[in-house]
Amino acid sequence: MDRAGRQVTDVLVVEDDAGEALLVREALAEAGGSALRCHIAVDADSAVRFLWHQDGFTSAPRPRLILLDLNLGATHGLELLARLKSDDDLKTIPVVVLSSSRHPADIHHSYAHHASAYVVKPVSLDDFADMIKVLDACFLRLAEPSLPSLHADGYHHPVPGMHPCAPMPQQERTSSSRT
C-alpha cells in the first residue's frame, strides 16, 4: 500500500540502457501515479535474481507486468523470456517486449515464446510517453492481474469438477461451434 492506502503495483523493467530505463520509469510514474513501483533490472542476470528471489532479492515482489528489452548484452531477451515462460509460477505474468527492432524474426520469436505484446520503441519522447500510457491502461488498469501458480490446496475453479486450467470437455467444444 502507498501512503494514500492504494495497492502498490510492481513493474519490472529489464533494460540495459540507463537512459531508456529512466524514460520508462518516468513515463510509468506519470501514467500510473504514486501507486506504481518500478524496478529496473539492467541485464538478464539481474532479472533472474529478482524474479526467482536469489541473492539480494529474496523479498522481491511479484511484478504485475514485465517490460523486456531484447538486446541485453550477454544474454538475449528471448532467452530470458523463454526461461520465464517455462516457469509454472511466473509464466502468467504479462511480458511486453519493447524493442527498437522491427525484424520479423524478433517479432515471431517473441510471440512464439508467449510474449503478451511486441512493441517497437517510438523515437519521439511524446510518442514514447503515449506508448507507456497505453501499456499502463491495458496491462495495469484494465487487465486483471495474474495469480501465482495454482497449487493443489490453492485456487479452485468456480464450476465443480473443473480444474482452473483444464481444457473444455469435447462435448462442450463441439456443441458451441457455429452453425
Protein backbone atom coordinates (compact mmCIF):
# COMPACT_ATOMS: atom_id res chain seq x y z
CA MET A 1 0.00 0.00 0.00
CA ASP A 2 1.15 3.51 -0.71
CA ARG A 3 0.71 6.46 1.65
CA ALA A 4 -2.81 7.09 0.33
CA GLY A 5 -3.77 3.47 1.10
CA ARG A 6 -3.81 2.33 -2.54
CA GLN A 7 -2.49 -1.08 -3.58
CA VAL A 8 1.02 -0.70 -5.00
CA THR A 9 1.56 -2.14 -8.47
CA ASP A 10 5.03 -3.51 -9.20
CA VAL A 11 6.51 -3.39 -12.70
CA LEU A 12 9.84 -4.93 -13.65
CA VAL A 13 11.70 -3.17 -16.46
CA VAL A 14 14.53 -5.23 -17.97
CA GLU A 15 16.59 -2.66 -19.85
CA ASP A 16 20.36 -2.33 -20.12
CA ASP A 17 20.33 1.26 -21.40
CA ALA A 18 20.19 3.58 -18.38
CA GLY A 19 18.66 6.43 -20.40
CA GLU A 20 15.84 4.28 -21.76
CA ALA A 21 15.24 2.74 -18.33
CA LEU A 22 14.88 6.27 -16.92
CA LEU A 23 12.43 7.19 -19.70
CA VAL A 24 10.32 4.13 -18.92
CA ARG A 25 10.41 4.83 -15.18
CA GLU A 26 9.38 8.48 -15.61
CA ALA A 27 6.64 7.65 -18.12
CA LEU A 28 5.28 4.92 -15.84
CA ALA A 29 5.32 7.28 -12.86
CA GLU A 30 3.39 9.86 -14.88
CA ALA A 31 0.90 7.30 -16.18
CA GLY A 32 0.42 5.26 -13.01
CA GLY A 33 0.98 7.79 -10.29
CA SER A 34 2.40 7.09 -6.86
CA ALA A 35 0.76 3.67 -6.56
CA LEU A 36 3.21 2.25 -9.09
CA ARG A 37 6.63 0.92 -8.13
CA CYS A 38 9.12 0.46 -10.97
CA HIS A 39 12.02 -1.98 -10.56
CA ILE A 40 14.91 -1.84 -13.04
CA ALA A 41 16.99 -4.88 -13.97
CA VAL A 42 20.00 -3.81 -16.01
CA ASP A 43 20.56 -7.26 -17.53
CA ALA A 44 19.05 -10.73 -17.75
CA ASP A 45 21.06 -11.94 -14.74
CA SER A 46 19.60 -9.17 -12.52
CA ALA A 47 16.12 -10.02 -13.78
CA VAL A 48 16.64 -13.71 -12.97
CA ARG A 49 17.81 -12.87 -9.44
CA PHE A 50 14.79 -10.56 -8.95
CA LEU A 51 12.16 -12.95 -10.35
CA TRP A 52 13.49 -16.11 -8.69
CA HIS A 53 14.28 -14.32 -5.39
CA GLN A 54 18.01 -15.02 -5.46
CA ASP A 55 20.90 -13.27 -3.76
CA GLY A 56 19.82 -9.82 -2.55
CA PHE A 57 16.30 -10.17 -3.96
CA THR A 58 14.82 -12.69 -1.52
CA SER A 59 11.88 -10.41 -0.75
CA ALA A 60 11.35 -9.00 -4.26
CA PRO A 61 7.66 -8.56 -5.08
CA ARG A 62 5.91 -10.44 -7.87
CA PRO A 63 5.64 -7.91 -10.72
CA ARG A 64 2.25 -7.39 -12.32
CA LEU A 65 3.96 -6.58 -15.64
CA ILE A 66 7.41 -7.11 -17.13
CA LEU A 67 8.73 -4.76 -19.82
CA LEU A 68 11.57 -6.56 -21.59
CA ASP A 69 14.19 -5.21 -23.97
CA LEU A 70 15.57 -7.84 -26.34
CA ASN A 71 19.15 -6.58 -26.71
CA LEU A 72 20.56 -7.05 -23.23
CA GLY A 73 24.19 -7.76 -23.99
CA ALA A 74 25.46 -11.15 -22.84
CA THR A 75 22.05 -12.80 -22.62
CA HIS A 76 19.43 -12.05 -25.27
CA GLY A 77 15.99 -11.05 -24.02
CA LEU A 78 14.44 -14.01 -25.84
CA GLU A 79 16.45 -16.39 -23.63
CA LEU A 80 15.07 -14.69 -20.53
CA LEU A 81 11.55 -14.74 -21.99
CA ALA A 82 11.79 -18.48 -22.73
CA ARG A 83 13.03 -19.21 -19.21
CA LEU A 84 10.34 -17.04 -17.64
CA LYS A 85 7.53 -18.63 -19.65
CA SER A 86 8.74 -22.15 -18.77
CA ASP A 87 8.37 -21.46 -15.03
CA ASP A 88 4.97 -22.57 -13.69
CA ASP A 89 4.78 -19.74 -11.16
CA LEU A 90 5.97 -16.88 -13.38
CA LYS A 91 4.61 -17.76 -16.82
CA THR A 92 1.31 -16.00 -16.18
CA ILE A 93 2.93 -12.59 -15.68
CA PRO A 94 2.37 -10.50 -18.82
CA VAL A 95 5.61 -9.70 -20.64
CA VAL A 96 5.68 -6.87 -23.15
CA VAL A 97 8.73 -6.85 -25.36
CA LEU A 98 9.95 -3.31 -26.02
CA SER A 99 12.44 -3.25 -28.85
CA SER A 100 13.83 -0.94 -31.50
CA SER A 101 13.79 -3.90 -33.91
CA ARG A 102 11.08 -4.46 -36.49
CA HIS A 103 12.80 -7.62 -37.69
CA PRO A 104 10.18 -10.31 -38.40
CA ALA A 105 12.28 -12.98 -36.65
CA ASP A 106 12.41 -10.95 -33.41
CA ILE A 107 8.66 -10.42 -33.52
CA HIS A 108 7.91 -14.05 -34.40
CA HIS A 109 10.20 -15.50 -31.71
CA SER A 110 8.84 -13.13 -29.07
CA TYR A 111 5.29 -14.31 -29.69
CA ALA A 112 6.44 -17.93 -30.05
CA HIS A 113 7.84 -17.61 -26.51
CA HIS A 114 4.48 -16.25 -25.34
CA ALA A 115 5.15 -12.53 -25.09
CA SER A 116 1.91 -10.69 -24.34
CA ALA A 117 2.82 -7.98 -26.85
CA TYR A 118 5.68 -6.80 -29.03
CA VAL A 119 6.01 -3.02 -29.20
CA VAL A 120 8.57 -1.12 -31.24
CA LYS A 121 10.02 1.71 -29.17
CA PRO A 122 8.94 5.08 -30.56
CA VAL A 123 11.68 7.58 -31.37
CA SER A 124 9.81 10.69 -30.21
CA LEU A 125 9.66 11.34 -26.45
CA ASP A 126 5.98 12.26 -26.67
CA ASP A 127 5.19 9.08 -28.59
CA PHE A 128 7.22 7.08 -26.06
CA ALA A 129 5.23 8.54 -23.16
CA ASP A 130 1.97 7.84 -25.03
CA MET A 131 3.05 4.22 -25.61
CA ILE A 132 3.72 3.74 -21.88
CA LYS A 133 0.29 5.26 -21.08
CA VAL A 134 -1.36 2.73 -23.40
CA LEU A 135 0.54 -0.15 -21.78
CA ASP A 136 -0.41 1.16 -18.35
CA ALA A 137 -4.08 1.39 -19.33
CA CYS A 138 -4.15 -2.05 -20.91
CA PHE A 139 -2.00 -4.18 -18.61
CA LEU A 140 -2.20 -2.35 -15.28
CA ARG A 141 -5.67 -0.82 -15.21
CA LEU A 142 -7.96 -2.91 -17.44
CA ALA A 143 -6.49 -6.41 -17.32
CA GLU A 144 -6.85 -8.43 -14.14
CA PRO A 145 -3.50 -9.41 -12.61
CA SER A 146 -2.26 -12.96 -12.85
CA LEU A 147 -2.13 -15.05 -9.73
CA PRO A 148 0.81 -17.13 -8.55
CA SER A 149 0.76 -20.74 -9.67
CA LEU A 150 -2.26 -22.86 -8.83
CA HIS A 151 -1.37 -25.37 -6.16
CA ALA A 152 -3.39 -28.40 -5.12
CA ASP A 153 -4.57 -26.60 -1.99
CA GLY A 154 -4.82 -23.18 -3.65
CA TYR A 155 -7.29 -21.67 -6.07
CA HIS A 156 -10.27 -23.62 -7.29
CA HIS A 157 -12.44 -23.19 -10.35
CA PRO A 158 -15.99 -21.95 -9.54
CA VAL A 159 -17.51 -24.77 -11.61
CA PRO A 160 -17.47 -28.02 -9.58
CA GLY A 161 -15.24 -30.67 -11.10
CA MET A 162 -13.49 -28.22 -13.44
CA HIS A 163 -9.78 -27.63 -12.98
CA PRO A 164 -8.93 -23.91 -13.42
CA CYS A 165 -6.72 -24.59 -16.44
CA ALA A 166 -8.42 -27.68 -17.82
CA PRO A 167 -9.48 -27.73 -21.45
CA MET A 168 -13.18 -27.63 -22.20
CA PRO A 169 -14.72 -31.11 -22.41
CA GLN A 170 -15.08 -32.34 -26.02
CA GLN A 171 -18.88 -32.30 -25.81
CA GLU A 172 -18.98 -28.57 -24.95
CA ARG A 173 -16.47 -27.67 -27.68
CA THR A 174 -18.47 -29.30 -30.42
CA SER A 175 -21.85 -28.04 -29.25
CA SER A 176 -20.64 -24.44 -29.14
CA SER A 177 -19.37 -24.42 -32.71
CA ARG A 178 -21.06 -22.13 -35.20
CA THR A 179 -23.76 -23.44 -37.50
